[in-house]
Amino acid sequence: MREILGVLGRKDQEEYLRLGEKTLKLNKFLAMSGLLLTGLAAIVSALSGHSPRGSWAAMIGIVGGALASVVNTIEHGGQVGMERRENGEVFGH
């Protein structure tokens, strides 16, 4: 029985590490995306008053800011899950 539990534990650990690596890559992508979207929204909204197409620029700024907010929320929600993992709450240790 101990051998079976050992094999299951190793397989779970391998899968956990594989998924952890994918999550880390996703979190890095979200971090970069959040910065780019925030910068885009700031630049476009600063230029919206000086453009003949000000309404389009304002709309791009609003959408960029909203997307940046969503990306940052997802990113930080994932970090809370990572903290649980680092504290050992997932496996109950």
PDB file of N, CA and C in Angstrom:
ATOM      1  N   MET A   1       0.828  -1.194   0.000  1.00  0.00           N
ATOM      2  CA  MET A   1       0.000   0.000   0.000  1.00  0.00           C
ATOM      3  C   MET A   1       0.872   1.258   0.000  1.00  0.00           C
ATOM      4  N   ARG A   2       1.966   1.234   0.740  1.00  0.00           N
ATOM      5  CA  ARG A   2       2.866   2.388   0.785  1.00  0.00           C
ATOM      6  C   ARG A   2       3.501   2.632  -0.574  1.00  0.00           C
ATOM      7  N   GLU A   3       3.809   1.562  -1.279  1.00  0.00           N
ATOM      8  CA  GLU A   3       4.392   1.709  -2.614  1.00  0.00           C
ATOM      9  C   GLU A   3       3.407   2.378  -3.571  1.00  0.00           C
ATOM     10  N   ILE A   4       2.156   1.978  -3.478  1.00  0.00           N
ATOM     11  CA  ILE A   4       1.128   2.579  -4.332  1.00  0.00           C
ATOM     12  C   ILE A   4       0.985   4.066  -4.017  1.00  0.00           C
ATOM     13  N   LEU A   5       0.950   4.400  -2.747  1.00  0.00           N
ATOM     14  CA  LEU A   5       0.843   5.810  -2.355  1.00  0.00           C
ATOM     15  C   LEU A   5       2.069   6.597  -2.801  1.00  0.00           C
ATOM     16  N   GLY A   6       3.244   5.972  -2.760  1.00  0.00           N
ATOM     17  CA  GLY A   6       4.464   6.646  -3.213  1.00  0.00           C
ATOM     18  C   GLY A   6       4.423   6.940  -4.704  1.00  0.00           C
ATOM     19  N   VAL A   7       3.956   5.962  -5.492  1.00  0.00           N
ATOM     20  CA  VAL A   7       3.847   6.161  -6.940  1.00  0.00           C
ATOM     21  C   VAL A   7       2.828   7.250  -7.245  1.00  0.00           C
ATOM     22  N   LEU A   8       1.682   7.206  -6.593  1.00  0.00           N
ATOM     23  CA  LEU A   8       0.652   8.229  -6.808  1.00  0.00           C
ATOM     24  C   LEU A   8       1.168   9.606  -6.413  1.00  0.00           C
ATOM     25  N   GLY A   9       1.903   9.670  -5.321  1.00  0.00           N
ATOM     26  CA  GLY A   9       2.458  10.947  -4.868  1.00  0.00           C
ATOM     27  C   GLY A   9       3.442  11.524  -5.863  1.00  0.00           C
ATOM     28  N   ARG A  10       4.301  10.679  -6.443  1.00  0.00           N
ATOM     29  CA  ARG A  10       5.271  11.158  -7.440  1.00  0.00           C
ATOM     30  C   ARG A  10       4.560  11.643  -8.700  1.00  0.00           C
ATOM     31  N   LYS A  11       3.550  10.903  -9.139  1.00  0.00           N
ATOM     32  CA  LYS A  11       2.810  11.316 -10.333  1.00  0.00           C
ATOM     33  C   LYS A  11       2.082  12.637 -10.083  1.00  0.00           C
ATOM     34  N   ASP A  12       1.492  12.772  -8.916  1.00  0.00           N
ATOM     35  CA  ASP A  12       0.810  14.028  -8.575  1.00  0.00           C
ATOM     36  C   ASP A  12       1.799  15.178  -8.530  1.00  0.00           C
ATOM     37  N   GLN A  13       2.969  14.917  -7.961  1.00  0.00           N
ATOM     38  CA  GLN A  13       3.968  15.968  -7.854  1.00  0.00           C
ATOM     39  C   GLN A  13       4.461  16.394  -9.237  1.00  0.00           C
ATOM     40  N   GLU A  14       4.675  15.444 -10.143  1.00  0.00           N
ATOM     41  CA  GLU A  14       5.104  15.776 -11.501  1.00  0.00           C
ATOM     42  C   GLU A  14       4.051  16.626 -12.206  1.00  0.00           C
ATOM     43  N   GLU A  15       2.800  16.223 -12.080  1.00  0.00           N
ATOM     44  CA  GLU A  15       1.721  16.986 -12.718  1.00  0.00           C
ATOM     45  C   GLU A  15       1.604  18.375 -12.097  1.00  0.00           C
ATOM     46  N   TYR A  16       1.759  18.444 -10.794  1.00  0.00           N
ATOM     47  CA  TYR A  16       1.668  19.715 -10.083  1.00  0.00           C
ATOM     48  C   TYR A  16       2.772  20.668 -10.543  1.00  0.00           C
ATOM     49  N   LEU A  17       3.987  20.148 -10.696  1.00  0.00           N
ATOM     50  CA  LEU A  17       5.097  20.981 -11.151  1.00  0.00           C
ATOM     51  C   LEU A  17       4.892  21.426 -12.597  1.00  0.00           C
ATOM     52  N   ARG A  18       4.373  20.540 -13.441  1.00  0.00           N
ATOM     53  CA  ARG A  18       4.120  20.887 -14.835  1.00  0.00           C
ATOM     54  C   ARG A  18       3.074  22.004 -14.927  1.00  0.00           C
ATOM     55  N   LEU A  19       2.006  21.856 -14.168  1.00  0.00           N
ATOM     56  CA  LEU A  19       0.961  22.888 -14.178  1.00  0.00           C
ATOM     57  C   LEU A  19       1.461  24.191 -13.549  1.00  0.00           C
ATOM     58  N   GLY A  20       2.326  24.073 -12.556  1.00  0.00           N
ATOM     59  CA  GLY A  20       2.905  25.260 -11.932  1.00  0.00           C
ATOM     60  C   GLY A  20       3.746  26.068 -12.903  1.00  0.00           C
ATOM     61  N   GLU A  21       4.503  25.362 -13.766  1.00  0.00           N
ATOM     62  CA  GLU A  21       5.303  26.047 -14.770  1.00  0.00           C
ATOM     63  C   GLU A  21       4.418  26.770 -15.788  1.00  0.00           C
ATOM     64  N   LYS A  22       3.343  26.119 -16.202  1.00  0.00           N
ATOM     65  CA  LYS A  22       2.418  26.754 -17.140  1.00  0.00           C
ATOM     66  C   LYS A  22       1.764  27.979 -16.508  1.00  0.00           C
ATOM     67  N   THR A  23       1.401  27.871 -15.248  1.00  0.00           N
ATOM     68  CA  THR A  23       0.781  28.992 -14.540  1.00  0.00           C
ATOM     69  C   THR A  23       1.744  30.158 -14.419  1.00  0.00           C
ATOM     70  N   LEU A  24       3.007  29.861 -14.154  1.00  0.00           N
ATOM     71  CA  LEU A  24       4.011  30.912 -14.043  1.00  0.00           C
ATOM     72  C   LEU A  24       4.190  31.635 -15.375  1.00  0.00           C
ATOM     73  N   LYS A  25       4.213  30.887 -16.481  1.00  0.00           N
ATOM     74  CA  LYS A  25       4.321  31.513 -17.801  1.00  0.00           C
ATOM     75  C   LYS A  25       3.112  32.397 -18.088  1.00  0.00           C
ATOM     76  N   LEU A  26       1.926  31.919 -17.737  1.00  0.00           N
ATOM     77  CA  LEU A  26       0.713  32.708 -17.939  1.00  0.00           C
ATOM     78  C   LEU A  26       0.759  33.983 -17.105  1.00  0.00           C
ATOM     79  N   ASN A  27       1.223  33.873 -15.864  1.00  0.00           N
ATOM     80  CA  ASN A  27       1.292  35.034 -14.979  1.00  0.00           C
ATOM     81  C   ASN A  27       2.281  36.070 -15.526  1.00  0.00           C
ATOM     82  N   LYS A  28       3.409  35.612 -16.081  1.00  0.00           N
ATOM     83  CA  LYS A  28       4.370  36.543 -16.678  1.00  0.00           C
ATOM     84  C   LYS A  28       3.742  37.247 -17.884  1.00  0.00           C
ATOM     85  N   PHE A  29       3.010  36.493 -18.714  1.00  0.00           N
ATOM     86  CA  PHE A  29       2.346  37.083 -19.868  1.00  0.00           C
ATOM     87  C   PHE A  29       1.322  38.124 -19.430  1.00  0.00           C
ATOM     88  N   LEU A  30       0.548  37.805 -18.395  1.00  0.00           N
ATOM     89  CA  LEU A  30      -0.461  38.747 -17.904  1.00  0.00           C
ATOM     90  C   LEU A  30       0.193  39.999 -17.333  1.00  0.00           C
ATOM     91  N   ALA A  31       1.335  39.838 -16.657  1.00  0.00           N
ATOM     92  CA  ALA A  31       2.031  40.998 -16.100  1.00  0.00           C
ATOM     93  C   ALA A  31       2.486  41.944 -17.208  1.00  0.00           C
ATOM     94  N   MET A  32       3.046  41.391 -18.273  1.00  0.00           N
ATOM     95  CA  MET A  32       3.483  42.228 -19.393  1.00  0.00           C
ATOM     96  C   MET A  32       2.287  42.846 -20.115  1.00  0.00           C
ATOM     97  N   SER A  33       1.233  42.075 -20.301  1.00  0.00           N
ATOM     98  CA  SER A  33       0.042  42.585 -20.983  1.00  0.00           C
ATOM     99  C   SER A  33      -0.594  43.730 -20.200  1.00  0.00           C
ATOM    100  N   GLY A  34      -0.658  43.586 -18.888  1.00  0.00           N
ATOM    101  CA  GLY A  34      -1.235  44.643 -18.058  1.00  0.00           C
ATOM    102  C   GLY A  34      -0.473  45.951 -18.193  1.00  0.00           C
ATOM    103  N   LEU A  35       0.857  45.854 -18.195  1.00  0.00           N
ATOM    104  CA  LEU A  35       1.674  47.063 -18.351  1.00  0.00           C
ATOM    105  C   LEU A  35       1.473  47.697 -19.729  1.00  0.00           C
ATOM    106  N   LEU A  36       1.476  46.872 -20.766  1.00  0.00           N
ATOM    107  CA  LEU A  36       1.304  47.405 -22.118  1.00  0.00           C
ATOM    108  C   LEU A  36      -0.069  48.042 -22.308  1.00  0.00           C
ATOM    109  N   LEU A  37      -1.110  47.402 -21.808  1.00  0.00           N
ATOM    110  CA  LEU A  37      -2.455  47.959 -21.951  1.00  0.00           C
ATOM    111  C   LEU A  37      -2.621  49.256 -21.162  1.00  0.00           C
ATOM    112  N   THR A  38      -2.033  49.304 -19.975  1.00  0.00           N
ATOM    113  CA  THR A  38      -2.102  50.527 -19.170  1.00  0.00           C
ATOM    114  C   THR A  38      -1.365  51.667 -19.874  1.00  0.00           C
ATOM    115  N   GLY A  39      -0.178  51.361 -20.401  1.00  0.00           N
ATOM    116  CA  GLY A  39       0.579  52.378 -21.133  1.00  0.00           C
ATOM    117  C   GLY A  39      -0.153  52.860 -22.366  1.00  0.00           C
ATOM    118  N   LEU A  40      -0.745  51.932 -23.106  1.00  0.00           N
ATOM    119  CA  LEU A  40      -1.516  52.292 -24.303  1.00  0.00           C
ATOM    120  C   LEU A  40      -2.685  53.201 -23.932  1.00  0.00           C
ATOM    121  N   ALA A  41      -3.400  52.823 -22.879  1.00  0.00           N
ATOM    122  CA  ALA A  41      -4.550  53.636 -22.458  1.00  0.00           C
ATOM    123  C   ALA A  41      -4.107  55.033 -22.027  1.00  0.00           C
ATOM    124  N   ALA A  42      -2.981  55.130 -21.327  1.00  0.00           N
ATOM    125  CA  ALA A  42      -2.501  56.440 -20.873  1.00  0.00           C
ATOM    126  C   ALA A  42      -2.070  57.314 -22.045  1.00  0.00           C
ATOM    127  N   ILE A  43      -1.347  56.728 -22.985  1.00  0.00           N
ATOM    128  CA  ILE A  43      -0.860  57.505 -24.129  1.00  0.00           C
ATOM    129  C   ILE A  43      -2.022  57.960 -25.006  1.00  0.00           C
ATOM    130  N   VAL A  44      -2.930  57.043 -25.316  1.00  0.00           N
ATOM    131  CA  VAL A  44      -4.054  57.383 -26.194  1.00  0.00           C
ATOM    132  C   VAL A  44      -4.969  58.411 -25.542  1.00  0.00           C
ATOM    133  N   SER A  45      -5.207  58.271 -24.244  1.00  0.00           N
ATOM    134  CA  SER A  45      -6.088  59.246 -23.592  1.00  0.00           C
ATOM    135  C   SER A  45      -5.419  60.616 -23.512  1.00  0.00           C
ATOM    136  N   ALA A  46      -4.099  60.654 -23.403  1.00  0.00           N
ATOM    137  CA  ALA A  46      -3.402  61.942 -23.392  1.00  0.00           C
ATOM    138  C   ALA A  46      -3.481  62.618 -24.762  1.00  0.00           C
ATOM    139  N   LEU A  47      -3.505  61.824 -25.813  1.00  0.00           N
ATOM    140  CA  LEU A  47      -3.544  62.374 -27.169  1.00  0.00           C
ATOM    141  C   LEU A  47      -4.963  62.577 -27.691  1.00  0.00           C
ATOM    142  N   SER A  48      -5.961  62.125 -26.960  1.00  0.00           N
ATOM    143  CA  SER A  48      -7.333  62.173 -27.483  1.00  0.00           C
ATOM    144  C   SER A  48      -7.857  63.597 -27.654  1.00  0.00           C
ATOM    145  N   GLY A  49      -7.403  64.531 -26.858  1.00  0.00           N
ATOM    146  CA  GLY A  49      -7.877  65.903 -26.973  1.00  0.00           C
ATOM    147  C   GLY A  49      -7.280  66.641 -28.147  1.00  0.00           C
ATOM    148  N   HIS A  50      -6.134  66.181 -28.641  1.00  0.00           N
ATOM    149  CA  HIS A  50      -5.436  66.868 -29.716  1.00  0.00           C
ATOM    150  C   HIS A  50      -5.683  66.244 -31.083  1.00  0.00           C
ATOM    151  N   SER A  51      -6.485  65.243 -31.127  1.00  0.00           N
ATOM    152  CA  SER A  51      -6.705  64.517 -32.370  1.00  0.00           C
ATOM    153  C   SER A  51      -8.055  64.902 -32.988  1.00  0.00           C
ATOM    154  N   PRO A  52      -8.127  64.977 -34.306  1.00  0.00           N
ATOM    155  CA  PRO A  52      -9.433  65.229 -34.935  1.00  0.00           C
ATOM    156  C   PRO A  52     -10.386  64.043 -34.732  1.00  0.00           C
ATOM    157  N   ARG A  53      -9.846  62.900 -34.444  1.00  0.00           N
ATOM    158  CA  ARG A  53     -10.662  61.719 -34.166  1.00  0.00           C
ATOM    159  C   ARG A  53     -10.636  61.431 -32.657  1.00  0.00           C
ATOM    160  N   GLY A  54     -10.921  62.440 -31.876  1.00  0.00           N
ATOM    161  CA  GLY A  54     -10.843  62.345 -30.421  1.00  0.00           C
ATOM    162  C   GLY A  54     -11.748  61.302 -29.813  1.00  0.00           C
ATOM    163  N   SER A  55     -12.936  61.103 -30.405  1.00  0.00           N
ATOM    164  CA  SER A  55     -13.855  60.126 -29.827  1.00  0.00           C
ATOM    165  C   SER A  55     -13.312  58.701 -29.966  1.00  0.00           C
ATOM    166  N   TRP A  56     -12.662  58.419 -31.116  1.00  0.00           N
ATOM    167  CA  TRP A  56     -12.057  57.086 -31.280  1.00  0.00           C
ATOM    168  C   TRP A  56     -10.899  56.890 -30.309  1.00  0.00           C
ATOM    169  N   ALA A  57     -10.099  57.920 -30.156  1.00  0.00           N
ATOM    170  CA  ALA A  57      -8.965  57.828 -29.239  1.00  0.00           C
ATOM    171  C   ALA A  57      -9.444  57.628 -27.804  1.00  0.00           C
ATOM    172  N   ALA A  58     -10.502  58.342 -27.444  1.00  0.00           N
ATOM    173  CA  ALA A  58     -11.052  58.173 -26.096  1.00  0.00           C
ATOM    174  C   ALA A  58     -11.580  56.762 -25.894  1.00  0.00           C
ATOM    175  N   MET A  59     -12.234  56.240 -26.932  1.00  0.00           N
ATOM    176  CA  MET A  59     -12.768  54.881 -26.837  1.00  0.00           C
ATOM    177  C   MET A  59     -11.654  53.855 -26.694  1.00  0.00           C
ATOM    178  N   ILE A  60     -10.569  54.019 -27.442  1.00  0.00           N
ATOM    179  CA  ILE A  60      -9.428  53.104 -27.322  1.00  0.00           C
ATOM    180  C   ILE A  60      -8.821  53.210 -25.926  1.00  0.00           C
ATOM    181  N   GLY A  61      -8.738  54.413 -25.396  1.00  0.00           N
ATOM    182  CA  GLY A  61      -8.213  54.601 -24.040  1.00  0.00           C
ATOM    183  C   GLY A  61      -9.082  53.927 -22.995  1.00  0.00           C
ATOM    184  N   ILE A  62     -10.388  54.051 -23.154  1.00  0.00           N
ATOM    185  CA  ILE A  62     -11.319  53.434 -22.196  1.00  0.00           C
ATOM    186  C   ILE A  62     -11.229  51.912 -22.264  1.00  0.00           C
ATOM    187  N   VAL A  63     -11.248  51.372 -23.474  1.00  0.00           N
ATOM    188  CA  VAL A  63     -11.182  49.918 -23.639  1.00  0.00           C
ATOM    189  C   VAL A  63      -9.837  49.379 -23.160  1.00  0.00           C
ATOM    190  N   GLY A  64      -8.747  50.090 -23.492  1.00  0.00           N
ATOM    191  CA  GLY A  64      -7.422  49.667 -23.024  1.00  0.00           C
ATOM    192  C   GLY A  64      -7.321  49.664 -21.507  1.00  0.00           C
ATOM    193  N   GLY A  65      -7.870  50.698 -20.882  1.00  0.00           N
ATOM    194  CA  GLY A  65      -7.855  50.756 -19.417  1.00  0.00           C
ATOM    195  C   GLY A  65      -8.696  49.665 -18.788  1.00  0.00           C
ATOM    196  N   ALA A  66      -9.851  49.381 -19.392  1.00  0.00           N
ATOM    197  CA  ALA A  66     -10.714  48.321 -18.859  1.00  0.00           C
ATOM    198  C   ALA A  66     -10.047  46.957 -18.998  1.00  0.00           C
ATOM    199  N   LEU A  67      -9.429  46.707 -20.156  1.00  0.00           N
ATOM    200  CA  LEU A  67      -8.726  45.438 -20.340  1.00  0.00           C
ATOM    201  C   LEU A  67      -7.547  45.312 -19.381  1.00  0.00           C
ATOM    202  N   ALA A  68      -6.831  46.407 -19.152  1.00  0.00           N
ATOM    203  CA  ALA A  68      -5.721  46.382 -18.200  1.00  0.00           C
ATOM    204  C   ALA A  68      -6.219  46.042 -16.801  1.00  0.00           C
ATOM    205  N   SER A  69      -7.363  46.582 -16.436  1.00  0.00           N
ATOM    206  CA  SER A  69      -7.947  46.287 -15.128  1.00  0.00           C
ATOM    207  C   SER A  69      -8.301  44.808 -14.998  1.00  0.00           C
ATOM    208  N   VAL A  70      -8.892  44.245 -16.044  1.00  0.00           N
ATOM    209  CA  VAL A  70      -9.257  42.825 -16.023  1.00  0.00           C
ATOM    210  C   VAL A  70      -8.010  41.957 -15.945  1.00  0.00           C
ATOM    211  N   VAL A  71      -6.999  42.275 -16.748  1.00  0.00           N
ATOM    212  CA  VAL A  71      -5.761  41.494 -16.750  1.00  0.00           C
ATOM    213  C   VAL A  71      -5.091  41.547 -15.385  1.00  0.00           C
ATOM    214  N   ASN A  72      -5.019  42.718 -14.777  1.00  0.00           N
ATOM    215  CA  ASN A  72      -4.391  42.842 -13.460  1.00  0.00           C
ATOM    216  C   ASN A  72      -5.173  42.086 -12.393  1.00  0.00           C
ATOM    217  N   THR A  73      -6.495  42.086 -12.493  1.00  0.00           N
ATOM    218  CA  THR A  73      -7.307  41.334 -11.528  1.00  0.00           C
ATOM    219  C   THR A  73      -7.042  39.841 -11.648  1.00  0.00           C
ATOM    220  N   ILE A  74      -6.996  39.339 -12.873  1.00  0.00           N
ATOM    221  CA  ILE A  74      -6.713  37.910 -13.076  1.00  0.00           C
ATOM    222  C   ILE A  74      -5.313  37.575 -12.590  1.00  0.00           C
ATOM    223  N   GLU A  75      -4.355  38.438 -12.888  1.00  0.00           N
ATOM    224  CA  GLU A  75      -2.976  38.197 -12.472  1.00  0.00           C
ATOM    225  C   GLU A  75      -2.860  38.113 -10.957  1.00  0.00           C
ATOM    226  N   HIS A  76      -3.446  39.053 -10.256  1.00  0.00           N
ATOM    227  CA  HIS A  76      -3.328  39.069  -8.801  1.00  0.00           C
ATOM    228  C   HIS A  76      -4.151  37.964  -8.151  1.00  0.00           C
ATOM    229  N   GLY A  77      -5.247  37.563  -8.781  1.00  0.00           N
ATOM    230  CA  GLY A  77      -6.000  36.417  -8.279  1.00  0.00           C
ATOM    231  C   GLY A  77      -5.173  35.150  -8.350  1.00  0.00           C
ATOM    232  N   GLY A  78      -4.376  34.997  -9.405  1.00  0.00           N
ATOM    233  CA  GLY A  78      -3.478  33.855  -9.530  1.00  0.00           C
ATOM    234  C   GLY A  78      -2.373  33.888  -8.499  1.00  0.00           C
ATOM    235  N   GLN A  79      -1.932  35.077  -8.137  1.00  0.00           N
ATOM    236  CA  GLN A  79      -0.879  35.177  -7.128  1.00  0.00           C
ATOM    237  C   GLN A  79      -1.381  34.732  -5.769  1.00  0.00           C
ATOM    238  N   VAL A  80      -2.647  34.973  -5.474  1.00  0.00           N
ATOM    239  CA  VAL A  80      -3.206  34.502  -4.203  1.00  0.00           C
ATOM    240  C   VAL A  80      -3.190  32.982  -4.180  1.00  0.00           C
ATOM    241  N   GLY A  81      -3.526  32.354  -5.312  1.00  0.00           N
ATOM    242  CA  GLY A  81      -3.469  30.897  -5.398  1.00  0.00           C
ATOM    243  C   GLY A  81      -2.059  30.378  -5.234  1.00  0.00           C
ATOM    244  N   MET A  82      -1.070  31.104  -5.767  1.00  0.00           N
ATOM    245  CA  MET A  82       0.324  30.690  -5.630  1.00  0.00           C
ATOM    246  C   MET A  82       0.765  30.792  -4.169  1.00  0.00           C
ATOM    247  N   GLU A  83       0.277  31.797  -3.452  1.00  0.00           N
ATOM    248  CA  GLU A  83       0.626  31.928  -2.041  1.00  0.00           C
ATOM    249  C   GLU A  83       0.097  30.738  -1.251  1.00  0.00           C
ATOM    250  N   ARG A  84      -1.097  30.295  -1.577  1.00  0.00           N
ATOM    251  CA  ARG A  84      -1.651  29.116  -0.899  1.00  0.00           C
ATOM    252  C   ARG A  84      -0.760  27.910  -1.153  1.00  0.00           C
ATOM    253  N   ARG A  85      -0.284  27.775  -2.387  1.00  0.00           N
ATOM    254  CA  ARG A  85       0.566  26.649  -2.738  1.00  0.00           C
ATOM    255  C   ARG A  85       1.882  26.723  -1.972  1.00  0.00           C
ATOM    256  N   GLU A  86       2.474  27.915  -1.904  1.00  0.00           N
ATOM    257  CA  GLU A  86       3.754  28.067  -1.235  1.00  0.00           C
ATOM    258  C   GLU A  86       3.635  27.810   0.266  1.00  0.00           C
ATOM    259  N   ASN A  87       2.481  28.089   0.836  1.00  0.00           N
ATOM    260  CA  ASN A  87       2.280  27.857   2.260  1.00  0.00           C
ATOM    261  C   ASN A  87       1.908  26.421   2.572  1.00  0.00           C
ATOM    262  N   GLY A  88       1.765  25.595   1.555  1.00  0.00           N
ATOM    263  CA  GLY A  88       1.481  24.183   1.779  1.00  0.00           C
ATOM    264  C   GLY A  88       0.034  23.867   2.054  1.00  0.00           C
ATOM    265  N   GLU A  89      -0.862  24.790   1.768  1.00  0.00           N
ATOM    266  CA  GLU A  89      -2.271  24.556   2.054  1.00  0.00           C
ATOM    267  C   GLU A  89      -2.926  23.622   1.045  1.00  0.00           C
ATOM    268  N   VAL A  90      -2.309  23.464  -0.123  1.00  0.00           N
ATOM    269  CA  VAL A  90      -2.908  22.623  -1.168  1.00  0.00           C
ATOM    270  C   VAL A  90      -2.842  21.156  -0.773  1.00  0.00           C
ATOM    271  N   PHE A  91      -1.671  20.714  -0.297  1.00  0.00           N
ATOM    272  CA  PHE A  91      -1.486  19.321   0.055  1.00  0.00           C
ATOM    273  C   PHE A  91      -1.787  19.029   1.527  1.00  0.00           C
ATOM    274  N   GLY A  92      -2.101  20.069   2.284  1.00  0.00           N
ATOM    275  CA  GLY A  92      -2.459  19.884   3.681  1.00  0.00           C
ATOM    276  C   GLY A  92      -1.276  19.591   4.589  1.00  0.00           C
ATOM    277  N   HIS A  93      -0.090  20.105   4.241  1.00  0.00           N
ATOM    278  CA  HIS A  93       1.095  19.893   5.068  1.00  0.00           C
ATOM    279  C   HIS A  93       1.202  20.973   6.101  1.00  0.00           C
TER     280      HIS A  93
END
